[in-house]
């Protein structure tokens, strides 16, 4: 005996099975324990992080000033070239253009060296901030394990949580675990 379902009956059965699955997951997940942290708040309360951030800001500012100075020099060279180009021979023009192009390449190379994906600033940040972030992660992981939390959300940096019950905020526990007030 072959049972044939109409499209409407098939759709209804599919909807019913989906609803049963959703309710089953909801019942199971209600037994789970959730918490959240505010990593921005945690890092703001760690003096070593603030000192590292200040050091990175100073280094970034120093690099930026050096690049701005170099860029101004290149622009001046270009303006001088434009003003004098009428008086220069083709050979002299080419030499001046080559010097300007070389200087621009040096500028871009220095920019990548300082601010590139694996540049000096990134490496310095890795050395200063990553150990602090690792400590925070380990403290959160320990709290999650000890408190039997299924999930811990981070409400800092773009995670959208419309409502959070302060009772489940674990940020202060993370700070205590790290030895801060």
Protein backbone atom coordinates (compact mmCIF):
# COMPACT_ATOMS: atom_id res chain seq x y z
CA UNK A 1 0.00 0.00 0.00
CA UNK A 2 1.50 3.33 -1.09
CA UNK A 3 0.56 6.38 0.92
CA UNK A 4 0.52 9.52 -1.10
CA UNK A 5 0.62 12.90 0.61
CA UNK A 6 -0.53 16.08 -1.02
CA UNK A 7 1.79 19.08 -0.97
CA UNK A 8 -0.39 20.70 1.67
CA UNK A 9 -0.31 17.63 3.93
CA UNK A 10 3.44 17.29 3.47
CA UNK A 11 3.96 20.96 4.37
CA UNK A 12 1.79 20.59 7.48
CA UNK A 13 3.73 17.52 8.66
CA UNK A 14 7.00 19.35 8.03
CA UNK A 15 5.79 22.34 10.09
CA UNK A 16 4.63 20.08 12.93
CA UNK A 17 7.97 18.21 13.00
CA UNK A 18 9.86 21.50 12.97
CA UNK A 19 7.78 22.84 15.87
CA UNK A 20 8.35 19.63 17.85
CA UNK A 21 12.11 19.94 17.26
CA UNK A 22 12.14 23.61 18.30
CA UNK A 23 10.18 22.91 21.49
CA UNK A 24 12.44 19.95 22.32
CA UNK A 25 15.55 22.10 21.94
CA UNK A 26 13.92 24.86 24.02
CA UNK A 27 13.13 22.42 26.84
CA UNK A 28 16.65 20.99 26.84
CA UNK A 29 18.28 24.41 26.66
CA UNK A 30 16.25 25.71 29.60
CA UNK A 31 18.20 23.29 31.78
CA UNK A 32 21.45 24.98 30.70
CA UNK A 33 23.10 27.74 32.64
CA UNK A 34 24.16 30.92 30.83
CA UNK A 35 26.23 33.92 31.84
CA UNK A 36 27.79 36.96 30.29
CA UNK A 37 30.82 39.14 30.74
CA UNK A 38 31.81 42.59 29.59
CA UNK A 39 35.39 42.16 28.41
CA UNK A 40 35.74 45.90 27.88
CA UNK A 41 34.83 46.52 31.53
CA UNK A 42 37.23 43.79 32.64
CA UNK A 43 40.15 45.16 30.63
CA UNK A 44 39.44 48.72 31.80
CA UNK A 45 39.87 47.47 35.36
CA UNK A 46 43.22 45.79 34.76
CA UNK A 47 46.08 48.30 35.23
CA UNK A 48 48.49 46.25 33.09
CA UNK A 49 46.07 46.44 30.15
CA UNK A 50 45.69 50.22 30.52
CA UNK A 51 49.48 50.63 30.67
CA UNK A 52 49.90 48.41 27.60
CA UNK A 53 47.23 50.35 25.72
CA UNK A 54 48.91 53.65 26.62
CA UNK A 55 52.27 52.31 25.43
CA UNK A 56 50.70 51.15 22.15
CA UNK A 57 49.02 54.54 21.66
CA UNK A 58 52.35 56.33 22.16
CA UNK A 59 54.11 54.01 19.73
CA UNK A 60 51.34 54.43 17.16
CA UNK A 61 51.53 58.21 17.53
CA UNK A 62 55.32 58.13 17.09
CA UNK A 63 54.99 56.00 13.94
CA UNK A 64 52.24 58.24 12.60
CA UNK A 65 54.34 61.39 13.10
CA UNK A 66 57.28 59.81 11.31
CA UNK A 67 55.06 58.82 8.38
CA UNK A 68 53.42 62.26 8.23
CA UNK A 69 56.85 63.90 8.14
CA UNK A 70 57.95 61.60 5.33
CA UNK A 71 54.71 62.25 3.42
CA UNK A 72 55.16 66.01 3.76
CA UNK A 73 58.70 65.68 2.41
CA UNK A 74 57.42 63.69 -0.60
CA UNK A 75 54.71 66.27 -1.28
CA UNK A 76 57.27 69.07 -1.13
CA UNK A 77 59.51 67.19 -3.54
CA UNK A 78 56.58 66.78 -5.91
CA UNK A 79 55.62 70.48 -5.70
CA UNK A 80 59.23 71.50 -6.32
CA UNK A 81 59.38 69.14 -9.28
CA UNK A 82 56.19 70.59 -10.78
CA UNK A 83 57.47 74.13 -10.34
CA UNK A 84 60.87 73.37 -11.86
CA UNK A 85 59.86 70.81 -14.51
CA UNK A 86 59.64 73.46 -17.24
CA UNK A 87 63.31 74.28 -16.73
CA UNK A 88 64.57 70.68 -16.48
CA UNK A 89 65.82 68.46 -19.30
CA UNK A 90 64.06 65.14 -19.96
CA UNK A 91 66.91 63.27 -18.30
CA UNK A 92 66.69 65.47 -15.18
CA UNK A 93 62.91 65.10 -15.09
CA UNK A 94 63.22 61.31 -15.21
CA UNK A 95 65.81 61.32 -12.42
CA UNK A 96 63.65 63.54 -10.21
CA UNK A 97 60.57 61.38 -10.91
CA UNK A 98 62.57 58.27 -10.03
CA UNK A 99 63.67 59.85 -6.74
CA UNK A 100 60.05 60.78 -5.89
CA UNK A 101 58.77 57.32 -6.85
CA UNK A 102 61.50 55.68 -4.79
CA UNK A 103 60.63 57.87 -1.82
CA UNK A 104 56.93 56.95 -2.19
CA UNK A 105 57.84 53.24 -2.24
CA UNK A 106 59.91 53.73 0.92
CA UNK A 107 56.93 55.50 2.51
CA UNK A 108 54.54 52.66 1.68
CA UNK A 109 57.05 50.06 2.82
CA UNK A 110 57.53 51.86 6.13
CA UNK A 111 53.76 52.17 6.52
CA UNK A 112 53.40 48.39 6.07
CA UNK A 113 56.33 47.78 8.43
CA UNK A 114 54.66 49.81 11.18
CA UNK A 115 50.94 49.25 10.64
CA UNK A 116 50.69 46.18 8.40
CA UNK A 117 48.99 42.90 9.38
CA UNK A 118 52.26 41.57 10.78
CA UNK A 119 53.85 44.97 11.39
CA UNK A 120 55.71 46.33 14.39
CA UNK A 121 52.58 47.68 16.09
CA UNK A 122 50.77 44.35 15.70
CA UNK A 123 53.75 42.45 17.11
CA UNK A 124 54.04 44.86 20.03
CA UNK A 125 50.31 44.48 20.71
CA UNK A 126 50.68 40.69 20.64
CA UNK A 127 53.48 40.93 23.17
CA UNK A 128 51.71 43.32 25.53
CA UNK A 129 47.97 42.60 25.26
CA UNK A 130 47.68 38.95 24.24
CA UNK A 131 48.97 37.59 27.59
CA UNK A 132 46.33 39.67 29.40
CA UNK A 133 43.62 38.42 27.04
CA UNK A 134 44.80 34.85 27.56
CA UNK A 135 44.57 35.31 31.34
CA UNK A 136 41.02 36.65 30.96
CA UNK A 137 40.05 33.72 28.73
CA UNK A 138 41.50 31.20 31.20
CA UNK A 139 39.67 32.86 34.12
CA UNK A 140 36.38 32.82 32.19
CA UNK A 141 36.93 29.20 31.23
CA UNK A 142 37.60 28.29 34.87
CA UNK A 143 34.51 30.15 36.08
CA UNK A 144 32.41 28.48 33.36
CA UNK A 145 33.68 25.05 34.37
CA UNK A 146 33.29 25.64 38.12
CA UNK A 147 29.85 27.21 37.71
CA UNK A 148 28.63 24.67 35.11
CA UNK A 149 27.82 27.35 32.56
CA UNK A 150 26.91 26.09 29.11
CA UNK A 151 27.53 29.44 27.43
CA UNK A 152 29.09 32.73 28.41
CA UNK A 153 28.45 35.70 26.18
CA UNK A 154 30.59 38.79 25.86
CA UNK A 155 28.41 41.87 25.63
CA UNK A 156 31.31 44.18 24.68
CA UNK A 157 32.29 44.98 21.14
CA UNK A 158 29.14 44.58 19.15
CA UNK A 159 27.38 41.53 20.57
CA UNK A 160 23.77 42.50 20.74
CA UNK A 161 22.08 41.54 23.96
CA UNK A 162 18.85 43.42 24.42
CA UNK A 163 18.48 42.45 28.03
CA UNK A 164 20.94 41.09 30.52
CA UNK A 165 20.13 40.27 34.08
CA UNK A 166 22.96 41.67 36.25
CA UNK A 167 22.67 38.52 38.34
CA UNK A 168 24.39 36.61 35.55
CA UNK A 169 27.19 39.15 34.92
CA UNK A 170 30.42 37.31 35.64
CA UNK A 171 32.76 40.24 34.90
CA UNK A 172 33.57 40.91 38.58
CA UNK A 173 34.23 37.20 39.17
CA UNK A 174 36.72 37.24 36.28
CA UNK A 175 38.48 40.27 37.82
CA UNK A 176 38.58 38.53 41.21
CA UNK A 177 39.93 35.36 39.63
CA UNK A 178 42.69 37.49 38.08
CA UNK A 179 43.41 39.11 41.47
CA UNK A 180 41.81 42.53 40.89
CA UNK A 181 38.99 44.25 42.77
